[in-house]
Every structure is written in C-alpha cells, then in structure tokens.
Amino acid sequence: MSDALGQPGSGVVVTGAASGIGVATADALAAVGRPVAIWDRDGDGAARAAAEIHSRHGVATHPVALDVTVDEAVVDAVAPTVAELGSVGGIVHGAGIVAPALEGVIDVTTWDAVLGTHLRGYAFVVQALVDELRRARPGSAIVGIASIEGLIGHGAIPSYTAAKHGMIGLSRSLAHRLGPEGVRVNAVCPGYIETPMLAPAIGDAAARARLETSVPLGRLGEPADVAAVVRFLLSNEARYIHGAAVVVDGGVTATGGQ
C-alpha cells in the first residue's frame, strides 16, 4: 500500500510546511518516498523540518523561506525547488493565518492579510508551478487545505471563513480548467485539528473539553489525520477523485456544524 501511495514519485511543494498540518503532510509524503519542498515564511522552522524529514526518510527535501503573498518570492523559488527535487508534480497549499474580528464586521488589515495568504496565495502558487505540473504528468495533482469554515459560517472569523469558502471555489474552478490537461485538483476541509493555529482556542481544559464534546468521535484531530488524506489525494490511488471538497472533521459538520 505504501508503494501505491507513493506514486507518482514526483516532488511536492507544501506551503506552510514548517508546522501543523503542513509539516505532517510533508512528512507523510516523504514516508512513501516523495521528495518535498518546505515553503514557509518561518525560514528557520522550514530548515529544521526539512532536515528532520530527510533524516527520517532519506528523500530529497528543500526548505524555502518565503511569504506566499509576495509574488516575486514565489516565482523565484520555483527553479531552485525543481532543481533540488528533480520535478514538481504536486502542490499542497497549507499556508494560513487566522485573526478574529473583535470590533466591527471587517477590518481591512486582517481581511487583506488572511485573504492574501489563503486564497490569493493559493492562486499564485498554482500559477507559478502549473507548467511544472504539466511537465510532470501523468499523475500531477493539487490539494488546497481549506476548512470546515469553508462549508459553514463562523461569526468571529469572517475573513478566514470567506477565504476558506474561496479556496473550495477556486479548487473547483481549477479542476474544471486543469482536468482536461491531466492535472487533478481537490480541497480538504479539516475540522478541529490540534495545531498551533487552534492552540488559542484550547488554552484551558474547559475550552478543550467543549470542543472535544462537539466532535462525534470524541477527540480533536491530529495533523497526521489530515496528512494521510492529502497524501492519498495526491497519489494515483485517488486518480478519479477530482473537484472534491473532502471533509476530515470527526463528524462535526455531519451533525450540525459549530
């Protein structure tokens, strides 16, 4: 099964890969032999993650310190990444930030930063790498890390909710556009996953217990739970899954959402 999940064997660029779901995804891909690029604005964290993943799995890894909202940085990272990995046949856009709207409905700074990182960043990372995906066919695939907030609404984080809705829409649009070229595109919608992003919401035992109680499976998700699904979607095992929004939330949205 691990051999099947490792096919195709082309390299994968994972954004936001220095921590959380991103680093778990990079590690899961490397575990089945796929080279991985660790793109993250935390350059030191990216370097550590790349070194640890290479040490564990022996595959080529390539850390890049970049902000996905800076178009020139994304474009400049492509050639060195391809040179280090040999090819790029997969993209996972996991870079993300979240900030609550505590006063008013929207504040411009938060809106621009959150939409820029999640949604605009997703579009322009794909734009920068799409020719590499075409060259790496067959088997090239893209996964956008959306959220259950892309399916339901959350009044405290309107920019994040809008961005994740947008990522699902963009994934479907890209599926329509790139599918005829042999490039698959899907979104994954995690629920309450124990990552640095969720940490402020589970800062005390009572808050954690409330979230756990809302999950039918009775626990918070782990980054590895999402990473396993992403790895599957990037593999030839998922060769007919295209334009989907795959929910990984322990049953939260199936039983009423927030």
C-alpha atoms as a PDB file:
ATOM      1  CA  MET A   1       0.000   0.000   0.000  1.00  0.00           C
ATOM      2  CA  SER A   2       2.820   2.452   0.784  1.00  0.00           C
ATOM      3  CA  ASP A   3       4.214   1.869  -2.729  1.00  0.00           C
ATOM      4  CA  ALA A   4       0.824   2.778  -4.215  1.00  0.00           C
ATOM      5  CA  LEU A   5       0.537   5.924  -2.102  1.00  0.00           C
ATOM      6  CA  GLY A   6       3.982   6.983  -3.265  1.00  0.00           C
ATOM      7  CA  GLN A   7       3.009   7.013  -6.921  1.00  0.00           C
ATOM      8  CA  PRO A   8       3.605   9.180  -8.814  1.00  0.00           C
ATOM      9  CA  GLY A   9       7.056   9.714  -7.385  1.00  0.00           C
ATOM     10  CA  SER A  10       7.366  13.362  -8.389  1.00  0.00           C
ATOM     11  CA  GLY A  11       8.229  16.080  -5.911  1.00  0.00           C
ATOM     12  CA  VAL A  12       5.614  18.003  -3.958  1.00  0.00           C
ATOM     13  CA  VAL A  13       5.661  21.640  -2.834  1.00  0.00           C
ATOM     14  CA  VAL A  14       3.952  22.113   0.532  1.00  0.00           C
ATOM     15  CA  THR A  15       3.322  25.669   1.692  1.00  0.00           C
ATOM     16  CA  GLY A  16       3.007  26.426   5.381  1.00  0.00           C
ATOM     17  CA  ALA A  17       5.077  23.306   5.931  1.00  0.00           C
ATOM     18  CA  ALA A  18       7.134  24.308   8.954  1.00  0.00           C
ATOM     19  CA  SER A  19       4.405  23.300  11.412  1.00  0.00           C
ATOM     20  CA  GLY A  20       0.936  21.844  11.881  1.00  0.00           C
ATOM     21  CA  ILE A  21      -0.848  20.139   9.007  1.00  0.00           C
ATOM     22  CA  GLY A  22       1.820  21.306   6.560  1.00  0.00           C
ATOM     23  CA  VAL A  23       4.755  19.606   8.225  1.00  0.00           C
ATOM     24  CA  ALA A  24       2.693  16.471   8.900  1.00  0.00           C
ATOM     25  CA  THR A  25       1.796  16.347   5.205  1.00  0.00           C
ATOM     26  CA  ALA A  26       5.398  16.783   4.090  1.00  0.00           C
ATOM     27  CA  ASP A  27       6.450  14.002   6.455  1.00  0.00           C
ATOM     28  CA  ALA A  28       3.679  11.669   5.257  1.00  0.00           C
ATOM     29  CA  LEU A  29       4.679  12.214   1.640  1.00  0.00           C
ATOM     30  CA  ALA A  30       8.354  11.656   2.380  1.00  0.00           C
ATOM     31  CA  ALA A  31       7.481   8.446   4.219  1.00  0.00           C
ATOM     32  CA  VAL A  32       6.333   6.935   0.900  1.00  0.00           C
ATOM     33  CA  GLY A  33       9.347   8.243  -0.983  1.00  0.00           C
ATOM     34  CA  ARG A  34       8.179  11.530  -2.466  1.00  0.00           C
ATOM     35  CA  PRO A  35      10.621  14.456  -2.399  1.00  0.00           C
ATOM     36  CA  VAL A  36       9.202  17.517  -0.660  1.00  0.00           C
ATOM     37  CA  ALA A  37       9.799  21.262  -0.650  1.00  0.00           C
ATOM     38  CA  ILE A  38       9.077  23.014   2.637  1.00  0.00           C
ATOM     39  CA  TRP A  39       7.884  26.528   1.785  1.00  0.00           C
ATOM     40  CA  ASP A  40       7.181  28.692   4.822  1.00  0.00           C
ATOM     41  CA  ARG A  41       7.733  32.263   5.939  1.00  0.00           C
ATOM     42  CA  ASP A  42       9.413  30.787   9.045  1.00  0.00           C
ATOM     43  CA  GLY A  43      12.737  30.069   7.394  1.00  0.00           C
ATOM     44  CA  ASP A  44      14.359  28.519  10.453  1.00  0.00           C
ATOM     45  CA  GLY A  45      11.351  26.278  11.004  1.00  0.00           C
ATOM     46  CA  ALA A  46      11.382  25.246   7.350  1.00  0.00           C
ATOM     47  CA  ALA A  47      15.077  24.346   7.558  1.00  0.00           C
ATOM     48  CA  ARG A  48      14.544  22.281  10.712  1.00  0.00           C
ATOM     49  CA  ALA A  49      11.563  20.458   9.230  1.00  0.00           C
ATOM     50  CA  ALA A  50      13.433  19.697   6.002  1.00  0.00           C
ATOM     51  CA  ALA A  51      16.442  18.364   7.894  1.00  0.00           C
ATOM     52  CA  GLU A  52      14.332  16.180  10.182  1.00  0.00           C
ATOM     53  CA  ILE A  53      12.250  14.768   7.329  1.00  0.00           C
ATOM     54  CA  HIS A  54      15.360  13.999   5.284  1.00  0.00           C
ATOM     55  CA  SER A  55      16.955  12.291   8.283  1.00  0.00           C
ATOM     56  CA  ARG A  56      13.882  10.127   8.897  1.00  0.00           C
ATOM     57  CA  HIS A  57      13.057   9.165   5.329  1.00  0.00           C
ATOM     58  CA  GLY A  58      16.127   9.801   3.188  1.00  0.00           C
ATOM     59  CA  VAL A  59      14.286  11.668   0.443  1.00  0.00           C
ATOM     60  CA  ALA A  60      15.295  14.991  -1.075  1.00  0.00           C
ATOM     61  CA  THR A  61      13.938  17.946   0.881  1.00  0.00           C
ATOM     62  CA  HIS A  62      14.238  21.633   0.073  1.00  0.00           C
ATOM     63  CA  PRO A  63      13.422  24.405   2.577  1.00  0.00           C
ATOM     64  CA  VAL A  64      12.487  27.845   1.270  1.00  0.00           C
ATOM     65  CA  ALA A  65      11.804  30.910   3.407  1.00  0.00           C
ATOM     66  CA  LEU A  66       9.070  32.842   1.636  1.00  0.00           C
ATOM     67  CA  ASP A  67       5.777  34.630   2.103  1.00  0.00           C
ATOM     68  CA  VAL A  68       3.177  33.312  -0.347  1.00  0.00           C
ATOM     69  CA  THR A  69       1.686  36.799  -0.648  1.00  0.00           C
ATOM     70  CA  VAL A  70       4.887  38.055  -2.307  1.00  0.00           C
ATOM     71  CA  ASP A  71       4.584  37.082  -5.959  1.00  0.00           C
ATOM     72  CA  GLU A  72       8.255  37.588  -6.807  1.00  0.00           C
ATOM     73  CA  ALA A  73       9.369  35.327  -3.958  1.00  0.00           C
ATOM     74  CA  VAL A  74       7.074  32.554  -5.131  1.00  0.00           C
ATOM     75  CA  VAL A  75       8.257  32.801  -8.742  1.00  0.00           C
ATOM     76  CA  ASP A  76      11.919  32.935  -7.696  1.00  0.00           C
ATOM     77  CA  ALA A  77      11.512  29.774  -5.593  1.00  0.00           C
ATOM     78  CA  VAL A  78      10.362  27.597  -8.493  1.00  0.00           C
ATOM     79  CA  ALA A  79      13.628  26.918 -10.349  1.00  0.00           C
ATOM     80  CA  PRO A  80      15.719  26.069  -7.246  1.00  0.00           C
ATOM     81  CA  THR A  81      12.914  23.849  -5.961  1.00  0.00           C
ATOM     82  CA  VAL A  82      12.678  21.896  -9.210  1.00  0.00           C
ATOM     83  CA  ALA A  83      16.465  21.572  -9.302  1.00  0.00           C
ATOM     84  CA  GLU A  84      16.538  20.098  -5.788  1.00  0.00           C
ATOM     85  CA  LEU A  85      13.518  17.794  -6.105  1.00  0.00           C
ATOM     86  CA  GLY A  86      14.003  16.747  -9.720  1.00  0.00           C
ATOM     87  CA  SER A  87      10.395  17.541 -10.617  1.00  0.00           C
ATOM     88  CA  VAL A  88       7.250  19.022  -9.120  1.00  0.00           C
ATOM     89  CA  GLY A  89       4.090  17.014  -9.694  1.00  0.00           C
ATOM     90  CA  GLY A  90       2.171  18.059  -6.599  1.00  0.00           C
ATOM     91  CA  ILE A  91       1.166  21.172  -4.681  1.00  0.00           C
ATOM     92  CA  VAL A  92      -0.335  21.372  -1.207  1.00  0.00           C
ATOM     93  CA  HIS A  93      -1.323  24.901  -0.216  1.00  0.00           C
ATOM     94  CA  GLY A  94      -1.407  24.816   3.562  1.00  0.00           C
ATOM     95  CA  ALA A  95      -0.103  28.287   4.397  1.00  0.00           C
ATOM     96  CA  GLY A  96      -2.582  30.084   6.579  1.00  0.00           C
ATOM     97  CA  ILE A  97      -3.277  32.586   9.329  1.00  0.00           C
ATOM     98  CA  VAL A  98      -6.369  33.370  11.360  1.00  0.00           C
ATOM     99  CA  ALA A  99      -7.401  36.519  13.203  1.00  0.00           C
ATOM    100  CA  PRO A 100     -10.727  37.287  14.896  1.00  0.00           C
ATOM    101  CA  ALA A 101     -12.838  40.335  14.138  1.00  0.00           C
ATOM    102  CA  LEU A 102     -13.368  41.623  17.643  1.00  0.00           C
ATOM    103  CA  GLU A 103     -14.762  45.041  16.719  1.00  0.00           C
ATOM    104  CA  GLY A 104     -16.928  45.689  13.695  1.00  0.00           C
ATOM    105  CA  VAL A 105     -17.525  43.130  10.984  1.00  0.00           C
ATOM    106  CA  ILE A 106     -14.341  43.503   8.956  1.00  0.00           C
ATOM    107  CA  ASP A 107     -11.074  45.340   9.425  1.00  0.00           C
ATOM    108  CA  VAL A 108      -9.065  45.978   6.286  1.00  0.00           C
ATOM    109  CA  THR A 109      -5.675  44.848   7.553  1.00  0.00           C
ATOM    110  CA  THR A 110      -6.948  41.488   8.758  1.00  0.00           C
ATOM    111  CA  TRP A 111      -9.047  40.948   5.651  1.00  0.00           C
ATOM    112  CA  ASP A 112      -6.156  41.602   3.267  1.00  0.00           C
ATOM    113  CA  ALA A 113      -3.668  39.512   5.227  1.00  0.00           C
ATOM    114  CA  VAL A 114      -5.957  36.493   5.632  1.00  0.00           C
ATOM    115  CA  LEU A 115      -7.378  36.508   2.094  1.00  0.00           C
ATOM    116  CA  GLY A 116      -3.920  37.157   0.704  1.00  0.00           C
ATOM    117  CA  THR A 117      -2.353  34.189   2.458  1.00  0.00           C
ATOM    118  CA  HIS A 118      -5.089  31.612   1.986  1.00  0.00           C
ATOM    119  CA  LEU A 119      -6.816  32.484  -1.263  1.00  0.00           C
ATOM    120  CA  ARG A 120      -4.602  34.764  -3.327  1.00  0.00           C
ATOM    121  CA  GLY A 121      -1.556  32.799  -2.228  1.00  0.00           C
ATOM    122  CA  TYR A 122      -3.203  29.569  -3.373  1.00  0.00           C
ATOM    123  CA  ALA A 123      -3.945  31.001  -6.809  1.00  0.00           C
ATOM    124  CA  PHE A 124      -0.491  32.402  -7.399  1.00  0.00           C
ATOM    125  CA  VAL A 125       1.419  29.391  -6.077  1.00  0.00           C
ATOM    126  CA  VAL A 126      -0.518  27.291  -8.586  1.00  0.00           C
ATOM    127  CA  GLN A 127       0.141  29.857 -11.318  1.00  0.00           C
ATOM    128  CA  ALA A 128       3.882  29.777 -10.605  1.00  0.00           C
ATOM    129  CA  LEU A 129       4.076  25.975 -10.654  1.00  0.00           C
ATOM    130  CA  VAL A 130       1.462  24.929 -13.200  1.00  0.00           C
ATOM    131  CA  ASP A 131       3.960  24.458 -16.030  1.00  0.00           C
ATOM    132  CA  GLU A 132       5.957  22.111 -13.795  1.00  0.00           C
ATOM    133  CA  LEU A 133       2.788  20.124 -13.062  1.00  0.00           C
ATOM    134  CA  ARG A 134       2.156  19.829 -16.787  1.00  0.00           C
ATOM    135  CA  ARG A 135       5.703  18.574 -17.356  1.00  0.00           C
ATOM    136  CA  ALA A 136       5.386  16.025 -14.537  1.00  0.00           C
ATOM    137  CA  ARG A 137       2.225  14.371 -15.899  1.00  0.00           C
ATOM    138  CA  PRO A 138       0.711  11.828 -15.618  1.00  0.00           C
ATOM    139  CA  GLY A 139      -0.375  11.936 -12.004  1.00  0.00           C
ATOM    140  CA  SER A 140       0.073  15.612 -11.197  1.00  0.00           C
ATOM    141  CA  ALA A 141      -2.310  16.896  -8.536  1.00  0.00           C
ATOM    142  CA  ILE A 142      -3.104  19.885  -6.336  1.00  0.00           C
ATOM    143  CA  VAL A 143      -4.664  19.961  -2.871  1.00  0.00           C
ATOM    144  CA  GLY A 144      -5.839  23.148  -1.193  1.00  0.00           C
ATOM    145  CA  ILE A 145      -6.135  22.947   2.592  1.00  0.00           C
ATOM    146  CA  ALA A 146      -9.495  24.614   3.163  1.00  0.00           C
ATOM    147  CA  SER A 147     -11.547  24.083   6.336  1.00  0.00           C
ATOM    148  CA  ILE A 148     -14.980  23.215   7.605  1.00  0.00           C
ATOM    149  CA  GLU A 149     -15.257  27.022   7.800  1.00  0.00           C
ATOM    150  CA  GLY A 150     -15.401  26.821   4.016  1.00  0.00           C
ATOM    151  CA  LEU A 151     -18.685  24.913   4.343  1.00  0.00           C
ATOM    152  CA  ILE A 152     -20.320  26.661   7.292  1.00  0.00           C
ATOM    153  CA  GLY A 153     -20.047  30.116   8.817  1.00  0.00           C
ATOM    154  CA  HIS A 154     -18.195  31.409  11.883  1.00  0.00           C
ATOM    155  CA  GLY A 155     -19.077  34.926  13.011  1.00  0.00           C
ATOM    156  CA  ALA A 156     -15.845  35.529  14.913  1.00  0.00           C
ATOM    157  CA  ILE A 157     -13.539  34.918  11.936  1.00  0.00           C
ATOM    158  CA  PRO A 158     -15.244  36.309   8.822  1.00  0.00           C
ATOM    159  CA  SER A 159     -12.045  36.789   6.810  1.00  0.00           C
ATOM    160  CA  TYR A 160     -10.919  33.216   7.463  1.00  0.00           C
ATOM    161  CA  THR A 161     -14.389  31.877   6.659  1.00  0.00           C
ATOM    162  CA  ALA A 162     -14.516  33.828   3.395  1.00  0.00           C
ATOM    163  CA  ALA A 163     -11.004  32.707   2.451  1.00  0.00           C
ATOM    164  CA  LYS A 164     -11.812  29.046   3.018  1.00  0.00           C
ATOM    165  CA  HIS A 165     -15.057  29.266   1.053  1.00  0.00           C
ATOM    166  CA  GLY A 166     -12.979  30.850  -1.690  1.00  0.00           C
ATOM    167  CA  MET A 167     -10.395  28.078  -1.610  1.00  0.00           C
ATOM    168  CA  ILE A 168     -13.080  25.472  -2.217  1.00  0.00           C
ATOM    169  CA  GLY A 169     -14.453  27.529  -5.100  1.00  0.00           C
ATOM    170  CA  LEU A 170     -11.003  28.049  -6.567  1.00  0.00           C
ATOM    171  CA  SER A 171     -10.248  24.330  -6.284  1.00  0.00           C
ATOM    172  CA  ARG A 172     -13.408  23.524  -8.226  1.00  0.00           C
ATOM    173  CA  SER A 173     -12.603  26.148 -10.860  1.00  0.00           C
ATOM    174  CA  LEU A 174      -9.069  24.810 -11.248  1.00  0.00           C
ATOM    175  CA  ALA A 175     -10.481  21.291 -11.501  1.00  0.00           C
ATOM    176  CA  HIS A 176     -12.625  22.400 -14.425  1.00  0.00           C
ATOM    177  CA  ARG A 177      -9.743  24.242 -16.073  1.00  0.00           C
ATOM    178  CA  LEU A 178      -6.846  21.827 -15.491  1.00  0.00           C
ATOM    179  CA  GLY A 179      -8.654  18.483 -15.515  1.00  0.00           C
ATOM    180  CA  PRO A 180      -8.586  18.214 -19.324  1.00  0.00           C
ATOM    181  CA  GLU A 181      -4.806  18.664 -19.100  1.00  0.00           C
ATOM    182  CA  GLY A 182      -4.469  15.739 -16.708  1.00  0.00           C
ATOM    183  CA  VAL A 183      -3.949  17.729 -13.508  1.00  0.00           C
ATOM    184  CA  ARG A 184      -6.308  16.820 -10.672  1.00  0.00           C
ATOM    185  CA  VAL A 185      -7.400  19.381  -8.063  1.00  0.00           C
ATOM    186  CA  ASN A 186      -9.169  18.825  -4.750  1.00  0.00           C
ATOM    187  CA  ALA A 187      -9.711  20.616  -1.457  1.00  0.00           C
ATOM    188  CA  VAL A 188      -9.514  19.145   2.045  1.00  0.00           C
ATOM    189  CA  CYS A 189     -11.656  20.592   4.833  1.00  0.00           C
ATOM    190  CA  PRO A 190     -10.177  19.886   8.276  1.00  0.00           C
ATOM    191  CA  GLY A 191     -12.193  20.386  11.427  1.00  0.00           C
ATOM    192  CA  TYR A 192     -10.749  20.962  14.895  1.00  0.00           C
ATOM    193  CA  ILE A 193      -7.145  19.845  14.446  1.00  0.00           C
ATOM    194  CA  GLU A 194      -4.605  20.214  17.240  1.00  0.00           C
ATOM    195  CA  THR A 195      -2.215  22.680  15.613  1.00  0.00           C
ATOM    196  CA  PRO A 196      -0.568  25.963  16.637  1.00  0.00           C
ATOM    197  CA  MET A 197      -3.449  27.773  14.909  1.00  0.00           C
ATOM    198  CA  LEU A 198      -6.025  26.109  17.165  1.00  0.00           C
ATOM    199  CA  ALA A 199      -3.952  26.483  20.345  1.00  0.00           C
ATOM    200  CA  PRO A 200      -5.503  29.797  21.490  1.00  0.00           C
ATOM    201  CA  ALA A 201      -8.974  28.218  21.340  1.00  0.00           C
ATOM    202  CA  ILE A 202      -7.993  25.315  23.613  1.00  0.00           C
ATOM    203  CA  GLY A 203      -5.885  27.231  26.073  1.00  0.00           C
ATOM    204  CA  ASP A 204      -7.603  25.762  29.129  1.00  0.00           C
ATOM    205  CA  ALA A 205      -9.113  22.382  29.975  1.00  0.00           C
ATOM    206  CA  ALA A 206     -12.701  23.605  29.860  1.00  0.00           C
ATOM    207  CA  ALA A 207     -12.342  25.085  26.372  1.00  0.00           C
ATOM    208  CA  ARG A 208     -10.689  21.923  25.138  1.00  0.00           C
ATOM    209  CA  ALA A 209     -13.420  19.775  26.628  1.00  0.00           C
ATOM    210  CA  ARG A 210     -16.131  21.867  24.940  1.00  0.00           C
ATOM    211  CA  LEU A 211     -14.542  21.350  21.545  1.00  0.00           C
ATOM    212  CA  GLU A 212     -13.979  17.650  22.113  1.00  0.00           C
ATOM    213  CA  THR A 213     -17.606  17.221  23.146  1.00  0.00           C
ATOM    214  CA  SER A 214     -18.738  18.811  19.872  1.00  0.00           C
ATOM    215  CA  VAL A 215     -16.876  16.163  17.854  1.00  0.00           C
ATOM    216  CA  PRO A 216     -18.823  12.904  17.419  1.00  0.00           C
ATOM    217  CA  LEU A 217     -15.583  10.909  17.504  1.00  0.00           C
ATOM    218  CA  GLY A 218     -14.865  12.474  20.892  1.00  0.00           C
ATOM    219  CA  ARG A 219     -11.425  13.899  20.238  1.00  0.00           C
ATOM    220  CA  LEU A 220      -9.603  16.666  18.429  1.00  0.00           C
ATOM    221  CA  GLY A 221      -7.974  15.701  15.175  1.00  0.00           C
ATOM    222  CA  GLU A 222      -4.238  15.290  14.789  1.00  0.00           C
ATOM    223  CA  PRO A 223      -2.290  16.786  11.872  1.00  0.00           C
ATOM    224  CA  ALA A 224      -1.472  13.243  10.758  1.00  0.00           C
ATOM    225  CA  ASP A 225      -5.205  12.548  10.313  1.00  0.00           C
ATOM    226  CA  VAL A 226      -5.354  15.249   7.638  1.00  0.00           C
ATOM    227  CA  ALA A 227      -1.941  14.462   6.167  1.00  0.00           C
ATOM    228  CA  ALA A 228      -2.977  10.899   5.398  1.00  0.00           C
ATOM    229  CA  VAL A 229      -5.953  12.130   3.370  1.00  0.00           C
ATOM    230  CA  VAL A 230      -3.852  14.675   1.491  1.00  0.00           C
ATOM    231  CA  ARG A 231      -1.240  12.025   0.653  1.00  0.00           C
ATOM    232  CA  PHE A 232      -3.991   9.774  -0.702  1.00  0.00           C
ATOM    233  CA  LEU A 233      -5.444  12.572  -2.841  1.00  0.00           C
ATOM    234  CA  LEU A 234      -2.019  13.274  -4.350  1.00  0.00           C
ATOM    235  CA  SER A 235      -1.485   9.619  -5.202  1.00  0.00           C
ATOM    236  CA  ASN A 236      -2.624   7.553  -8.151  1.00  0.00           C
ATOM    237  CA  GLU A 237      -4.898   5.711  -5.701  1.00  0.00           C
ATOM    238  CA  ALA A 238      -7.177   8.765  -5.977  1.00  0.00           C
ATOM    239  CA  ARG A 239      -6.911   9.016  -9.758  1.00  0.00           C
ATOM    240  CA  TYR A 240     -10.670   9.585 -10.279  1.00  0.00           C
ATOM    241  CA  ILE A 241     -11.243  11.984  -7.375  1.00  0.00           C
ATOM    242  CA  HIS A 242     -11.347  15.458  -8.852  1.00  0.00           C
ATOM    243  CA  GLY A 243     -13.033  18.714  -7.877  1.00  0.00           C
ATOM    244  CA  ALA A 244     -13.988  17.351  -4.448  1.00  0.00           C
ATOM    245  CA  ALA A 245     -14.043  19.003  -1.021  1.00  0.00           C
ATOM    246  CA  VAL A 246     -13.101  16.173   1.335  1.00  0.00           C
ATOM    247  CA  VAL A 247     -14.144  16.723   4.954  1.00  0.00           C
ATOM    248  CA  VAL A 248     -11.833  15.497   7.720  1.00  0.00           C
ATOM    249  CA  ASP A 249     -13.555  16.622  10.903  1.00  0.00           C
ATOM    250  CA  GLY A 250     -14.576  13.632  13.031  1.00  0.00           C
ATOM    251  CA  GLY A 251     -18.219  14.209  12.140  1.00  0.00           C
ATOM    252  CA  VAL A 252     -18.634  17.836  13.220  1.00  0.00           C
ATOM    253  CA  THR A 253     -20.303  19.155  10.069  1.00  0.00           C
ATOM    254  CA  ALA A 254     -22.374  15.987   9.622  1.00  0.00           C
ATOM    255  CA  THR A 255     -24.032  16.660  12.964  1.00  0.00           C
ATOM    256  CA  GLY A 256     -24.781  20.361  12.770  1.00  0.00           C
ATOM    257  CA  GLY A 257     -21.550  22.298  12.412  1.00  0.00           C
ATOM    258  CA  GLN A 258     -20.452  24.834  15.016  1.00  0.00           C
END
